[in-house]
């Protein structure tokens, strides 16, 4: 007699199939190299991305909306900052962590839209009243003044030593938020909008006027600029990133293919940046001070926010 085939219930078939699959998976795992599973579980971004580390904060009662910063070349460890439009025409000296050292009022330079501050090799400061958000201002201004002593600041308002009217070569009204001085010439960078911002050289016309000549289309959303003390590197910042460009002898002024840069989380959109020793200082409007090693730009670091309760590395 031929035995009839045994037909298992569907649930039992499913269980046997699952047992077979599990056995195969266990067999595969036993032949994987040691540590392979652990490596797969770890996310490099979660373990290697540096923390967006705040080192201090500027007193908001002294500076409400930080808009520009530059490092002193006469007084090591001193940074000069200023507020944005609608605030008093005041320069504030801070230390590397944002503590207030001095407040200096500026006479004859109303803060219509101060956007950035620059410094030359002799320590002379340049205030850029170069913002033009609405495009309603046909002329903008840059003021020069001798750097005050932050350790013995003047009590009376300090007048500029020179004022320039700033116009654009094509008569356009452009909103610029970056200003820097290099080799005897001033430069500005527009913020841009639908199209990237533009780097301009300021060519003198007479004694008190500067004409902005476009050099290169550079990047979107520029909110601050600085050049290294050796004149070899341009630094630009935006709300969420910062880039470095090698200064060249080309018509564009910089190497636009330079890919050095960092990105950072939104802990207040960064409005001001400068070099300070072998670090870069980045400050949002809210006055929080962040310091980043220059080496991180070459590594193209992507900063992550600090988690609640997370201890900072030494």
Protein backbone atom coordinates (compact mmCIF):
# COMPACT_ATOMS: atom_id res chain seq x y z
CA UNK A 1 0.00 0.00 0.00
CA UNK A 2 1.32 3.42 -0.88
CA UNK A 3 1.41 5.78 2.14
CA UNK A 4 -0.51 8.96 1.68
CA UNK A 5 1.55 12.15 1.85
CA UNK A 6 1.36 14.03 5.11
CA UNK A 7 0.00 17.54 4.62
CA UNK A 8 1.10 19.95 7.41
CA UNK A 9 -1.12 22.83 8.47
CA UNK A 10 -0.10 26.22 6.97
CA UNK A 11 0.88 27.61 10.38
CA UNK A 12 3.28 24.70 10.94
CA UNK A 13 4.76 25.21 7.45
CA UNK A 14 5.34 28.87 8.23
CA UNK A 15 7.08 28.09 11.52
CA UNK A 16 9.37 25.52 9.85
CA UNK A 17 10.25 28.02 7.10
CA UNK A 18 11.08 30.71 9.66
CA UNK A 19 13.25 28.26 11.60
CA UNK A 20 15.16 27.49 8.40
CA UNK A 21 15.72 31.21 7.66
CA UNK A 22 16.95 31.87 11.21
CA UNK A 23 19.35 28.94 10.99
CA UNK A 24 20.79 30.30 7.74
CA UNK A 25 21.24 33.78 9.23
CA UNK A 26 22.98 32.38 12.30
CA UNK A 27 25.33 30.48 10.02
CA UNK A 28 26.17 33.62 8.07
CA UNK A 29 26.85 35.62 11.24
CA UNK A 30 29.25 32.98 12.56
CA UNK A 31 31.51 33.38 9.52
CA UNK A 32 31.58 37.20 9.53
CA UNK A 33 34.85 38.80 10.71
CA UNK A 34 34.92 39.80 14.36
CA UNK A 35 33.51 43.26 14.88
CA UNK A 36 31.74 43.41 11.50
CA UNK A 37 28.29 43.64 13.04
CA UNK A 38 29.36 46.27 15.57
CA UNK A 39 30.93 48.36 12.83
CA UNK A 40 27.72 48.22 10.82
CA UNK A 41 25.65 49.38 13.78
CA UNK A 42 27.81 52.41 14.53
CA UNK A 43 27.14 55.57 12.56
CA UNK A 44 30.39 57.45 11.82
CA UNK A 45 28.49 60.74 11.93
CA UNK A 46 27.28 60.12 15.46
CA UNK A 47 30.76 59.35 16.78
CA UNK A 48 33.09 61.53 14.71
CA UNK A 49 31.22 64.79 14.12
CA UNK A 50 32.53 67.52 16.46
CA UNK A 51 30.19 69.32 18.85
CA UNK A 52 29.12 72.88 17.99
CA UNK A 53 30.77 74.23 21.12
CA UNK A 54 29.91 77.60 22.60
CA UNK A 55 32.77 79.25 24.50
CA UNK A 56 30.91 82.31 25.79
CA UNK A 57 28.26 84.92 25.15
CA UNK A 58 28.30 88.69 24.75
CA UNK A 59 26.10 90.51 27.25
CA UNK A 60 22.86 91.27 25.33
CA UNK A 61 22.40 94.43 27.42
CA UNK A 62 25.55 95.79 25.75
CA UNK A 63 25.16 94.36 22.23
CA UNK A 64 21.65 93.41 21.15
CA UNK A 65 22.27 92.18 17.59
CA UNK A 66 25.86 91.31 16.72
CA UNK A 67 26.60 92.05 13.08
CA UNK A 68 30.39 92.29 12.71
CA UNK A 69 33.60 91.16 14.41
CA UNK A 70 37.33 91.57 13.81
CA UNK A 71 40.44 90.72 15.83
CA UNK A 72 42.71 93.53 17.00
CA UNK A 73 46.24 93.49 15.59
CA UNK A 74 47.58 95.78 18.32
CA UNK A 75 46.04 94.10 21.35
CA UNK A 76 46.28 90.27 21.36
CA UNK A 77 43.16 88.52 22.60
CA UNK A 78 40.88 91.48 21.87
CA UNK A 79 37.99 91.40 19.40
CA UNK A 80 35.92 94.38 18.23
CA UNK A 81 32.20 93.86 17.63
CA UNK A 82 29.23 96.06 16.74
CA UNK A 83 25.44 95.88 16.40
CA UNK A 84 23.18 95.86 13.36
CA UNK A 85 20.90 98.63 12.08
CA UNK A 86 18.82 100.71 14.47
CA UNK A 87 21.23 100.29 17.38
CA UNK A 88 23.62 102.89 18.83
CA UNK A 89 26.78 103.71 16.83
CA UNK A 90 29.01 101.86 19.26
CA UNK A 91 32.10 99.66 19.12
CA UNK A 92 32.56 97.07 21.85
CA UNK A 93 35.82 95.34 22.75
CA UNK A 94 35.48 91.77 24.03
CA UNK A 95 37.91 89.04 25.00
CA UNK A 96 38.15 85.65 23.28
CA UNK A 97 35.14 84.32 25.21
CA UNK A 98 32.87 87.33 24.74
CA UNK A 99 33.41 89.16 28.06
CA UNK A 100 33.07 92.95 27.73
CA UNK A 101 36.32 94.92 27.93
CA UNK A 102 35.28 98.38 26.68
CA UNK A 103 32.50 100.35 24.98
CA UNK A 104 33.35 103.18 22.58
CA UNK A 105 30.75 105.47 21.01
CA UNK A 106 31.43 106.68 17.45
CA UNK A 107 30.49 110.25 16.53
CA UNK A 108 29.34 111.25 13.04
CA UNK A 109 28.70 107.69 11.83
CA UNK A 110 25.00 106.84 12.33
CA UNK A 111 24.21 103.14 12.40
CA UNK A 112 21.87 103.05 9.42
CA UNK A 113 22.91 99.47 8.60
CA UNK A 114 26.33 98.60 9.97
CA UNK A 115 27.06 95.14 8.60
CA UNK A 116 30.76 94.42 9.11
CA UNK A 117 34.06 95.72 10.44
CA UNK A 118 37.57 95.35 9.02
CA UNK A 119 41.11 96.17 10.09
CA UNK A 120 44.36 96.99 8.27
CA UNK A 121 47.99 96.21 9.04
CA UNK A 122 48.40 99.47 10.98
CA UNK A 123 45.44 98.66 13.22
CA UNK A 124 43.03 101.17 11.68
CA UNK A 125 39.41 100.03 11.85
CA UNK A 126 36.85 100.29 9.03
CA UNK A 127 33.12 100.33 9.77
CA UNK A 128 30.94 99.17 6.91
CA UNK A 129 27.55 100.88 6.79
CA UNK A 130 26.97 98.81 3.66
CA UNK A 131 23.68 97.00 4.27
CA UNK A 132 20.80 97.69 1.89
CA UNK A 133 18.09 95.09 2.54
CA UNK A 134 15.29 97.02 0.86
CA UNK A 135 17.41 98.43 -1.97
CA UNK A 136 16.14 101.91 -1.13
CA UNK A 137 19.54 103.44 -0.28
CA UNK A 138 21.39 104.81 -3.35
CA UNK A 139 24.64 105.45 -1.44
CA UNK A 140 26.30 103.56 1.40
CA UNK A 141 29.26 104.55 3.60
CA UNK A 142 32.49 103.22 5.08
CA UNK A 143 34.12 104.97 8.04
CA UNK A 144 37.76 104.72 9.12
CA UNK A 145 38.98 105.37 12.66
CA UNK A 146 42.09 104.73 14.68
CA UNK A 147 41.68 101.73 16.93
CA UNK A 148 40.91 102.83 20.49
CA UNK A 149 42.81 101.37 23.43
CA UNK A 150 40.44 98.72 24.86
CA UNK A 151 42.26 98.85 28.21
CA UNK A 152 41.99 102.63 28.50
CA UNK A 153 39.02 103.55 26.31
CA UNK A 154 38.07 107.14 25.51
CA UNK A 155 35.14 108.53 27.46
CA UNK A 156 33.95 110.86 24.72
CA UNK A 157 32.62 109.66 21.34
CA UNK A 158 35.36 109.09 18.76
CA UNK A 159 34.91 110.71 15.33
CA UNK A 160 36.02 108.87 12.17
CA UNK A 161 39.26 109.96 10.56
CA UNK A 162 37.73 109.48 7.11
CA UNK A 163 34.40 108.76 5.43
CA UNK A 164 33.82 107.32 1.96
CA UNK A 165 30.65 107.28 -0.09
CA UNK A 166 30.23 103.83 -1.65
CA UNK A 167 28.68 103.38 -5.07
CA UNK A 168 28.39 100.43 -7.43
CA UNK A 169 29.92 100.50 -10.89
CA UNK A 170 26.62 99.52 -12.54
CA UNK A 171 24.55 101.82 -10.30
CA UNK A 172 22.72 98.85 -8.79
CA UNK A 173 21.72 98.97 -5.13
CA UNK A 174 23.24 95.88 -3.58
CA UNK A 175 22.98 94.58 -0.01
CA UNK A 176 26.52 93.84 1.21
CA UNK A 177 27.25 92.20 4.58
CA UNK A 178 30.95 91.33 4.27
CA UNK A 179 33.84 93.81 4.42
CA UNK A 180 37.61 93.27 4.57
CA UNK A 181 40.86 95.10 3.87
CA UNK A 182 43.73 93.56 1.88
CA UNK A 183 47.00 95.07 0.63
CA UNK A 184 45.80 98.68 0.69
CA UNK A 185 42.37 98.03 -0.79
CA UNK A 186 38.92 97.39 0.68
CA UNK A 187 36.56 94.69 -0.55
CA UNK A 188 32.91 93.91 0.07
CA UNK A 189 30.78 90.81 -0.47
CA UNK A 190 27.07 90.95 -1.23
CA UNK A 191 24.65 88.60 0.50
CA UNK A 192 22.91 87.55 -2.68
CA UNK A 193 19.36 86.31 -2.98
CA UNK A 194 18.02 84.23 -5.84
CA UNK A 195 21.57 84.28 -7.22
CA UNK A 196 24.87 83.91 -5.30
CA UNK A 197 26.62 86.86 -3.71
CA UNK A 198 29.36 88.81 -5.49
CA UNK A 199 32.85 89.79 -4.36
CA UNK A 200 33.66 93.48 -5.09
CA UNK A 201 36.87 95.50 -5.08
CA UNK A 202 36.44 99.13 -3.94
CA UNK A 203 38.27 101.41 -6.37
CA UNK A 204 38.84 105.00 -5.18
CA UNK A 205 37.30 107.84 -7.13
CA UNK A 206 38.58 111.11 -5.75
CA UNK A 207 39.27 111.46 -2.05
CA UNK A 208 35.94 110.42 -0.59
CA UNK A 209 34.23 108.02 -2.97
CA UNK A 210 34.67 104.31 -3.64
CA UNK A 211 33.31 102.49 -6.69
CA UNK A 212 32.50 98.80 -6.20
CA UNK A 213 33.82 96.73 -9.08
CA UNK A 214 32.60 93.10 -9.32
CA UNK A 215 35.32 90.44 -9.30
CA UNK A 216 33.59 87.07 -8.93
CA UNK A 217 30.32 85.37 -8.12
CA UNK A 218 31.17 83.53 -4.94
CA UNK A 219 28.44 81.98 -2.70
CA UNK A 220 24.91 82.42 -1.36
CA UNK A 221 23.98 84.17 1.86
CA UNK A 222 27.30 85.76 2.89
CA UNK A 223 26.81 87.46 6.27
CA UNK A 224 30.42 88.26 7.22
CA UNK A 225 33.99 88.27 5.90
CA UNK A 226 37.60 88.52 7.02
CA UNK A 227 41.06 87.97 5.59
CA UNK A 228 43.92 86.31 7.47
CA UNK A 229 46.65 88.54 8.88
CA UNK A 230 49.14 87.13 6.35
CA UNK A 231 46.73 88.02 3.53
CA UNK A 232 46.65 84.50 2.11
CA UNK A 233 43.14 83.34 3.02
CA UNK A 234 39.66 84.83 2.71
CA UNK A 235 37.02 83.71 5.22
CA UNK A 236 33.29 84.00 4.49
CA UNK A 237 30.40 82.92 6.69
CA UNK A 238 26.71 82.30 6.10
CA UNK A 239 23.90 81.37 8.49
CA UNK A 240 24.86 77.67 8.55
CA UNK A 241 28.34 77.36 7.02
CA UNK A 242 31.73 79.01 6.58
CA UNK A 243 34.27 78.72 3.76
CA UNK A 244 37.92 79.56 3.22
CA UNK A 245 39.38 80.58 -0.15
CA UNK A 246 43.05 80.96 -1.03
CA UNK A 247 43.84 84.52 -2.15
CA UNK A 248 45.43 84.52 -5.61
CA UNK A 249 46.66 86.94 -8.27
CA UNK A 250 43.78 85.99 -10.56
CA UNK A 251 41.07 88.39 -11.73
CA UNK A 252 38.65 86.62 -9.37
CA UNK A 253 40.99 87.46 -6.44
CA UNK A 254 40.48 84.01 -4.89
CA UNK A 255 40.62 80.37 -5.89
CA UNK A 256 36.94 79.55 -6.30
CA UNK A 257 37.72 75.82 -6.43
CA UNK A 258 39.03 75.86 -2.85
CA UNK A 259 36.75 73.44 -0.98
CA UNK A 260 37.75 74.16 2.63
CA UNK A 261 34.69 74.68 4.78
CA UNK A 262 32.53 73.68 7.73
CA UNK A 263 28.81 73.42 8.40
CA UNK A 264 27.06 73.96 11.73
CA UNK A 265 23.58 73.69 13.26
CA UNK A 266 21.17 76.58 13.67
CA UNK A 267 21.88 77.93 17.15
CA UNK A 268 21.13 81.42 15.90
CA UNK A 269 22.15 82.30 12.35
CA UNK A 270 25.84 83.34 12.25
CA UNK A 271 26.25 87.00 11.29
CA UNK A 272 29.93 87.69 11.99
CA UNK A 273 33.25 85.91 11.55
CA UNK A 274 36.97 86.57 11.84
CA UNK A 275 40.35 84.92 12.17
CA UNK A 276 41.90 84.89 15.64
CA UNK A 277 45.25 83.10 15.86
CA UNK A 278 44.84 79.55 14.58
CA UNK A 279 41.09 79.63 15.20
CA UNK A 280 38.04 81.14 13.55
CA UNK A 281 35.47 83.06 15.60
CA UNK A 282 31.81 82.76 14.58
CA UNK A 283 29.07 84.83 16.27
CA UNK A 284 25.31 84.80 15.63
CA UNK A 285 23.11 87.85 16.24
CA UNK A 286 22.27 86.47 19.70
CA UNK A 287 25.89 87.01 20.80
CA UNK A 288 26.89 83.39 21.41
CA UNK A 289 30.60 82.98 20.69
CA UNK A 290 31.92 79.89 18.90
CA UNK A 291 35.58 79.15 18.19
CA UNK A 292 36.63 76.63 15.52
CA UNK A 293 40.16 75.34 14.77
CA UNK A 294 41.28 76.31 11.27
CA UNK A 295 42.25 72.66 10.70
CA UNK A 296 38.56 71.71 10.77
CA UNK A 297 38.03 73.64 7.53
CA UNK A 298 40.48 71.39 5.67
CA UNK A 299 38.70 68.39 7.21
CA UNK A 300 35.34 69.85 6.05
CA UNK A 301 33.87 69.22 9.48
CA UNK A 302 30.11 68.99 9.92
CA UNK A 303 29.31 70.14 13.44
CA UNK A 304 26.44 68.65 15.40
CA UNK A 305 24.45 70.23 18.24
CA UNK A 306 25.34 69.34 21.82
CA UNK A 307 22.87 66.87 23.30
CA UNK A 308 21.18 67.59 26.62
CA UNK A 309 23.38 66.33 29.44
CA UNK A 310 26.27 65.56 27.09
CA UNK A 311 29.69 66.31 28.57
CA UNK A 312 32.05 68.39 26.49
CA UNK A 313 35.48 66.95 25.68
CA UNK A 314 38.48 68.47 27.42
